[in-house]
Amino acid sequence: MDKWFPFACACATPGYLDDVEHTVKRLAEGDTEGMVFRDEDGRAYDAENNPVDVVGRG
């Protein structure tokens, strides 16, 4: 159940897969403007690997 449950939730959430497809398309086109990435320790950074302050943002 741990393997398939997140996928089932994604499929059951209206619009979620559209958002994922849009994000993948942006990344494929090299558009990372405004995107925040996280490392394995949860630290936020931008596409140029600069630290990003995301305090108070989910």
PDB file of N, CA and C in Angstrom:
ATOM      1  N   MET A   1       0.824  -1.189   0.000  1.00  0.00           N
ATOM      2  CA  MET A   1       0.000   0.000   0.000  1.00  0.00           C
ATOM      3  C   MET A   1       0.870   1.255   0.000  1.00  0.00           C
ATOM      4  N   ASP A   2       2.005   1.220   0.677  1.00  0.00           N
ATOM      5  CA  ASP A   2       2.869   2.394   0.723  1.00  0.00           C
ATOM      6  C   ASP A   2       3.354   2.808  -0.659  1.00  0.00           C
ATOM      7  N   LYS A   3       3.486   1.852  -1.560  1.00  0.00           N
ATOM      8  CA  LYS A   3       3.977   2.163  -2.903  1.00  0.00           C
ATOM      9  C   LYS A   3       2.919   2.821  -3.774  1.00  0.00           C
ATOM     10  N   TRP A   4       1.706   2.326  -3.775  1.00  0.00           N
ATOM     11  CA  TRP A   4       0.710   2.818  -4.707  1.00  0.00           C
ATOM     12  C   TRP A   4      -0.157   3.934  -4.161  1.00  0.00           C
ATOM     13  N   PHE A   5      -0.255   4.084  -2.845  1.00  0.00           N
ATOM     14  CA  PHE A   5      -1.165   5.066  -2.258  1.00  0.00           C
ATOM     15  C   PHE A   5      -0.887   6.504  -2.727  1.00  0.00           C
ATOM     16  N   PRO A   6       0.376   6.975  -2.733  1.00  0.00           N
ATOM     17  CA  PRO A   6       0.610   8.351  -3.214  1.00  0.00           C
ATOM     18  C   PRO A   6       0.164   8.552  -4.661  1.00  0.00           C
ATOM     19  N   PHE A   7       0.343   7.524  -5.495  1.00  0.00           N
ATOM     20  CA  PHE A   7      -0.082   7.633  -6.886  1.00  0.00           C
ATOM     21  C   PHE A   7      -1.603   7.665  -6.993  1.00  0.00           C
ATOM     22  N   ALA A   8      -2.264   6.878  -6.178  1.00  0.00           N
ATOM     23  CA  ALA A   8      -3.725   6.874  -6.175  1.00  0.00           C
ATOM     24  C   ALA A   8      -4.262   8.235  -5.738  1.00  0.00           C
ATOM     25  N   CYS A   9      -3.651   8.815  -4.735  1.00  0.00           N
ATOM     26  CA  CYS A   9      -4.070  10.149  -4.269  1.00  0.00           C
ATOM     27  C   CYS A   9      -3.855  11.194  -5.361  1.00  0.00           C
ATOM     28  N   ALA A  10      -2.723  11.114  -6.054  1.00  0.00           N
ATOM     29  CA  ALA A  10      -2.444  12.062  -7.130  1.00  0.00           C
ATOM     30  C   ALA A  10      -3.490  11.945  -8.231  1.00  0.00           C
ATOM     31  N   CYS A  11      -3.833  10.727  -8.592  1.00  0.00           N
ATOM     32  CA  CYS A  11      -4.825  10.509  -9.644  1.00  0.00           C
ATOM     33  C   CYS A  11      -6.213  10.956  -9.221  1.00  0.00           C
ATOM     34  N   ALA A  12      -6.495  10.887  -7.939  1.00  0.00           N
ATOM     35  CA  ALA A  12      -7.825  11.237  -7.432  1.00  0.00           C
ATOM     36  C   ALA A  12      -7.977  12.731  -7.160  1.00  0.00           C
ATOM     37  N   THR A  13      -6.890  13.493  -7.223  1.00  0.00           N
ATOM     38  CA  THR A  13      -6.934  14.924  -6.941  1.00  0.00           C
ATOM     39  C   THR A  13      -7.112  15.685  -8.252  1.00  0.00           C
ATOM     40  N   PRO A  14      -8.276  16.336  -8.439  1.00  0.00           N
ATOM     41  CA  PRO A  14      -8.524  17.049  -9.695  1.00  0.00           C
ATOM     42  C   PRO A  14      -7.431  18.084  -9.991  1.00  0.00           C
ATOM     43  N   GLY A  15      -6.889  18.010 -11.192  1.00  0.00           N
ATOM     44  CA  GLY A  15      -5.900  18.995 -11.628  1.00  0.00           C
ATOM     45  C   GLY A  15      -4.473  18.691 -11.234  1.00  0.00           C
ATOM     46  N   TYR A  16      -4.259  17.765 -10.314  1.00  0.00           N
ATOM     47  CA  TYR A  16      -2.903  17.510  -9.823  1.00  0.00           C
ATOM     48  C   TYR A  16      -1.982  17.026 -10.945  1.00  0.00           C
ATOM     49  N   LEU A  17      -2.434  16.062 -11.730  1.00  0.00           N
ATOM     50  CA  LEU A  17      -1.584  15.536 -12.795  1.00  0.00           C
ATOM     51  C   LEU A  17      -1.346  16.582 -13.881  1.00  0.00           C
ATOM     52  N   ASP A  18      -2.313  17.483 -14.109  1.00  0.00           N
ATOM     53  CA  ASP A  18      -2.092  18.580 -15.051  1.00  0.00           C
ATOM     54  C   ASP A  18      -0.960  19.474 -14.562  1.00  0.00           C
ATOM     55  N   ASP A  19      -0.929  19.756 -13.251  1.00  0.00           N
ATOM     56  CA  ASP A  19       0.135  20.569 -12.677  1.00  0.00           C
ATOM     57  C   ASP A  19       1.489  19.884 -12.822  1.00  0.00           C
ATOM     58  N   VAL A  20       1.515  18.586 -12.603  1.00  0.00           N
ATOM     59  CA  VAL A  20       2.761  17.827 -12.734  1.00  0.00           C
ATOM     60  C   VAL A  20       3.248  17.879 -14.181  1.00  0.00           C
ATOM     61  N   GLU A  21       2.347  17.656 -15.124  1.00  0.00           N
ATOM     62  CA  GLU A  21       2.722  17.700 -16.539  1.00  0.00           C
ATOM     63  C   GLU A  21       3.234  19.082 -16.934  1.00  0.00           C
ATOM     64  N   HIS A  22       2.601  20.127 -16.419  1.00  0.00           N
ATOM     65  CA  HIS A  22       3.039  21.498 -16.706  1.00  0.00           C
ATOM     66  C   HIS A  22       4.449  21.734 -16.153  1.00  0.00           C
ATOM     67  N   THR A  23       4.707  21.257 -14.948  1.00  0.00           N
ATOM     68  CA  THR A  23       6.029  21.422 -14.341  1.00  0.00           C
ATOM     69  C   THR A  23       7.089  20.661 -15.122  1.00  0.00           C
ATOM     70  N   VAL A  24       6.792  19.450 -15.524  1.00  0.00           N
ATOM     71  CA  VAL A  24       7.743  18.652 -16.311  1.00  0.00           C
ATOM     72  C   VAL A  24       8.042  19.354 -17.634  1.00  0.00           C
ATOM     73  N   LYS A  25       7.006  19.902 -18.266  1.00  0.00           N
ATOM     74  CA  LYS A  25       7.212  20.623 -19.526  1.00  0.00           C
ATOM     75  C   LYS A  25       8.115  21.829 -19.314  1.00  0.00           C
ATOM     76  N   ARG A  26       7.866  22.592 -18.249  1.00  0.00           N
ATOM     77  CA  ARG A  26       8.713  23.760 -17.948  1.00  0.00           C
ATOM     78  C   ARG A  26      10.163  23.345 -17.753  1.00  0.00           C
ATOM     79  N   LEU A  27      10.382  22.279 -16.988  1.00  0.00           N
ATOM     80  CA  LEU A  27      11.747  21.818 -16.746  1.00  0.00           C
ATOM     81  C   LEU A  27      12.412  21.371 -18.043  1.00  0.00           C
ATOM     82  N   ALA A  28      11.679  20.662 -18.890  1.00  0.00           N
ATOM     83  CA  ALA A  28      12.227  20.193 -20.163  1.00  0.00           C
ATOM     84  C   ALA A  28      12.625  21.362 -21.065  1.00  0.00           C
ATOM     85  N   GLU A  29      11.902  22.470 -20.936  1.00  0.00           N
ATOM     86  CA  GLU A  29      12.197  23.661 -21.731  1.00  0.00           C
ATOM     87  C   GLU A  29      13.244  24.556 -21.068  1.00  0.00           C
ATOM     88  N   GLY A  30      13.701  24.158 -19.880  1.00  0.00           N
ATOM     89  CA  GLY A  30      14.716  24.943 -19.174  1.00  0.00           C
ATOM     90  C   GLY A  30      14.157  26.112 -18.382  1.00  0.00           C
ATOM     91  N   ASP A  31      12.844  26.165 -18.210  1.00  0.00           N
ATOM     92  CA  ASP A  31      12.200  27.254 -17.473  1.00  0.00           C
ATOM     93  C   ASP A  31      12.097  26.884 -15.997  1.00  0.00           C
ATOM     94  N   THR A  32      12.979  27.443 -15.189  1.00  0.00           N
ATOM     95  CA  THR A  32      12.965  27.161 -13.748  1.00  0.00           C
ATOM     96  C   THR A  32      12.666  28.416 -12.923  1.00  0.00           C
ATOM     97  N   GLU A  33      12.234  29.476 -13.587  1.00  0.00           N
ATOM     98  CA  GLU A  33      11.945  30.734 -12.910  1.00  0.00           C
ATOM     99  C   GLU A  33      10.940  30.531 -11.772  1.00  0.00           C
ATOM    100  N   GLY A  34      11.327  30.918 -10.586  1.00  0.00           N
ATOM    101  CA  GLY A  34      10.448  30.834  -9.422  1.00  0.00           C
ATOM    102  C   GLY A  34      10.359  29.466  -8.777  1.00  0.00           C
ATOM    103  N   MET A  35      11.027  28.465  -9.348  1.00  0.00           N
ATOM    104  CA  MET A  35      10.972  27.125  -8.764  1.00  0.00           C
ATOM    105  C   MET A  35      11.934  27.017  -7.591  1.00  0.00           C
ATOM    106  N   VAL A  36      11.527  26.258  -6.597  1.00  0.00           N
ATOM    107  CA  VAL A  36      12.362  26.002  -5.423  1.00  0.00           C
ATOM    108  C   VAL A  36      12.591  24.500  -5.346  1.00  0.00           C
ATOM    109  N   PHE A  37      13.845  24.126  -5.190  1.00  0.00           N
ATOM    110  CA  PHE A  37      14.229  22.723  -5.092  1.00  0.00           C
ATOM    111  C   PHE A  37      14.723  22.465  -3.674  1.00  0.00           C
ATOM    112  N   ARG A  38      14.718  21.237  -3.241  1.00  0.00           N
ATOM    113  CA  ARG A  38      15.197  20.893  -1.893  1.00  0.00           C
ATOM    114  C   ARG A  38      16.190  19.748  -1.967  1.00  0.00           C
ATOM    115  N   ASP A  39      17.199  19.829  -1.102  1.00  0.00           N
ATOM    116  CA  ASP A  39      18.161  18.731  -1.038  1.00  0.00           C
ATOM    117  C   ASP A  39      17.655  17.684  -0.053  1.00  0.00           C
ATOM    118  N   GLU A  40      18.447  16.647   0.155  1.00  0.00           N
ATOM    119  CA  GLU A  40      18.016  15.542   1.014  1.00  0.00           C
ATOM    120  C   GLU A  40      17.792  15.952   2.464  1.00  0.00           C
ATOM    121  N   ASP A  41      18.337  17.098   2.859  1.00  0.00           N
ATOM    122  CA  ASP A  41      18.136  17.594   4.225  1.00  0.00           C
ATOM    123  C   ASP A  41      17.007  18.617   4.313  1.00  0.00           C
ATOM    124  N   GLY A  42      16.336  18.875   3.193  1.00  0.00           N
ATOM    125  CA  GLY A  42      15.207  19.796   3.181  1.00  0.00           C
ATOM    126  C   GLY A  42      15.577  21.247   2.973  1.00  0.00           C
ATOM    127  N   ARG A  43      16.861  21.544   2.731  1.00  0.00           N
ATOM    128  CA  ARG A  43      17.282  22.925   2.487  1.00  0.00           C
ATOM    129  C   ARG A  43      16.830  23.345   1.093  1.00  0.00           C
ATOM    130  N   ALA A  44      16.281  24.564   0.997  1.00  0.00           N
ATOM    131  CA  ALA A  44      15.750  25.066  -0.271  1.00  0.00           C
ATOM    132  C   ALA A  44      16.830  25.799  -1.055  1.00  0.00           C
ATOM    133  N   TYR A  45      16.768  25.654  -2.382  1.00  0.00           N
ATOM    134  CA  TYR A  45      17.689  26.361  -3.260  1.00  0.00           C
ATOM    135  C   TYR A  45      17.034  26.553  -4.622  1.00  0.00           C
ATOM    136  N   ASP A  46      17.602  27.489  -5.422  1.00  0.00           N
ATOM    137  CA  ASP A  46      17.053  27.729  -6.750  1.00  0.00           C
ATOM    138  C   ASP A  46      17.804  26.881  -7.782  1.00  0.00           C
ATOM    139  N   ALA A  47      17.472  27.053  -9.052  1.00  0.00           N
ATOM    140  CA  ALA A  47      18.053  26.234 -10.108  1.00  0.00           C
ATOM    141  C   ALA A  47      19.553  26.467 -10.274  1.00  0.00           C
ATOM    142  N   GLU A  48      20.054  27.621  -9.801  1.00  0.00           N
ATOM    143  CA  GLU A  48      21.489  27.906  -9.886  1.00  0.00           C
ATOM    144  C   GLU A  48      22.215  27.467  -8.619  1.00  0.00           C
ATOM    145  N   ASN A  49      21.517  26.718  -7.769  1.00  0.00           N
ATOM    146  CA  ASN A  49      22.068  26.183  -6.517  1.00  0.00           C
ATOM    147  C   ASN A  49      22.346  27.257  -5.467  1.00  0.00           C
ATOM    148  N   ASN A  50      21.602  28.368  -5.540  1.00  0.00           N
ATOM    149  CA  ASN A  50      21.707  29.410  -4.522  1.00  0.00           C
ATOM    150  C   ASN A  50      20.692  29.144  -3.431  1.00  0.00           C
ATOM    151  N   PRO A  51      21.090  29.290  -2.170  1.00  0.00           N
ATOM    152  CA  PRO A  51      20.119  29.068  -1.079  1.00  0.00           C
ATOM    153  C   PRO A  51      18.927  30.020  -1.217  1.00  0.00           C
ATOM    154  N   VAL A  52      17.759  29.532  -0.858  1.00  0.00           N
ATOM    155  CA  VAL A  52      16.522  30.317  -0.934  1.00  0.00           C
ATOM    156  C   VAL A  52      15.883  30.329   0.446  1.00  0.00           C
ATOM    157  N   ASP A  53      15.475  31.517   0.886  1.00  0.00           N
ATOM    158  CA  ASP A  53      14.793  31.653   2.164  1.00  0.00           C
ATOM    159  C   ASP A  53      13.299  31.430   1.924  1.00  0.00           C
ATOM    160  N   VAL A  54      12.773  30.314   2.428  1.00  0.00           N
ATOM    161  CA  VAL A  54      11.359  30.004   2.231  1.00  0.00           C
ATOM    162  C   VAL A  54      10.622  29.905   3.560  1.00  0.00           C
ATOM    163  N   VAL A  55      11.082  30.618   4.564  1.00  0.00           N
ATOM    164  CA  VAL A  55      10.425  30.596   5.860  1.00  0.00           C
ATOM    165  C   VAL A  55       8.992  31.084   5.703  1.00  0.00           C
ATOM    166  N   GLY A  56       8.074  30.291   6.224  1.00  0.00           N
ATOM    167  CA  GLY A  56       6.666  30.656   6.165  1.00  0.00           C
ATOM    168  C   GLY A  56       5.971  30.233   4.879  1.00  0.00           C
ATOM    169  N   ARG A  57       6.715  29.638   3.935  1.00  0.00           N
ATOM    170  CA  ARG A  57       6.096  29.151   2.696  1.00  0.00           C
ATOM    171  C   ARG A  57       6.166  27.642   2.703  1.00  0.00           C
ATOM    172  N   GLY A  58       4.983  26.978   2.677  1.00  0.00           N
ATOM    173  CA  GLY A  58       4.824  25.548   2.720  1.00  0.00           C
ATOM    174  C   GLY A  58       5.857  24.809   2.021  1.00  0.00           C
TER     175      GLY A  58
END
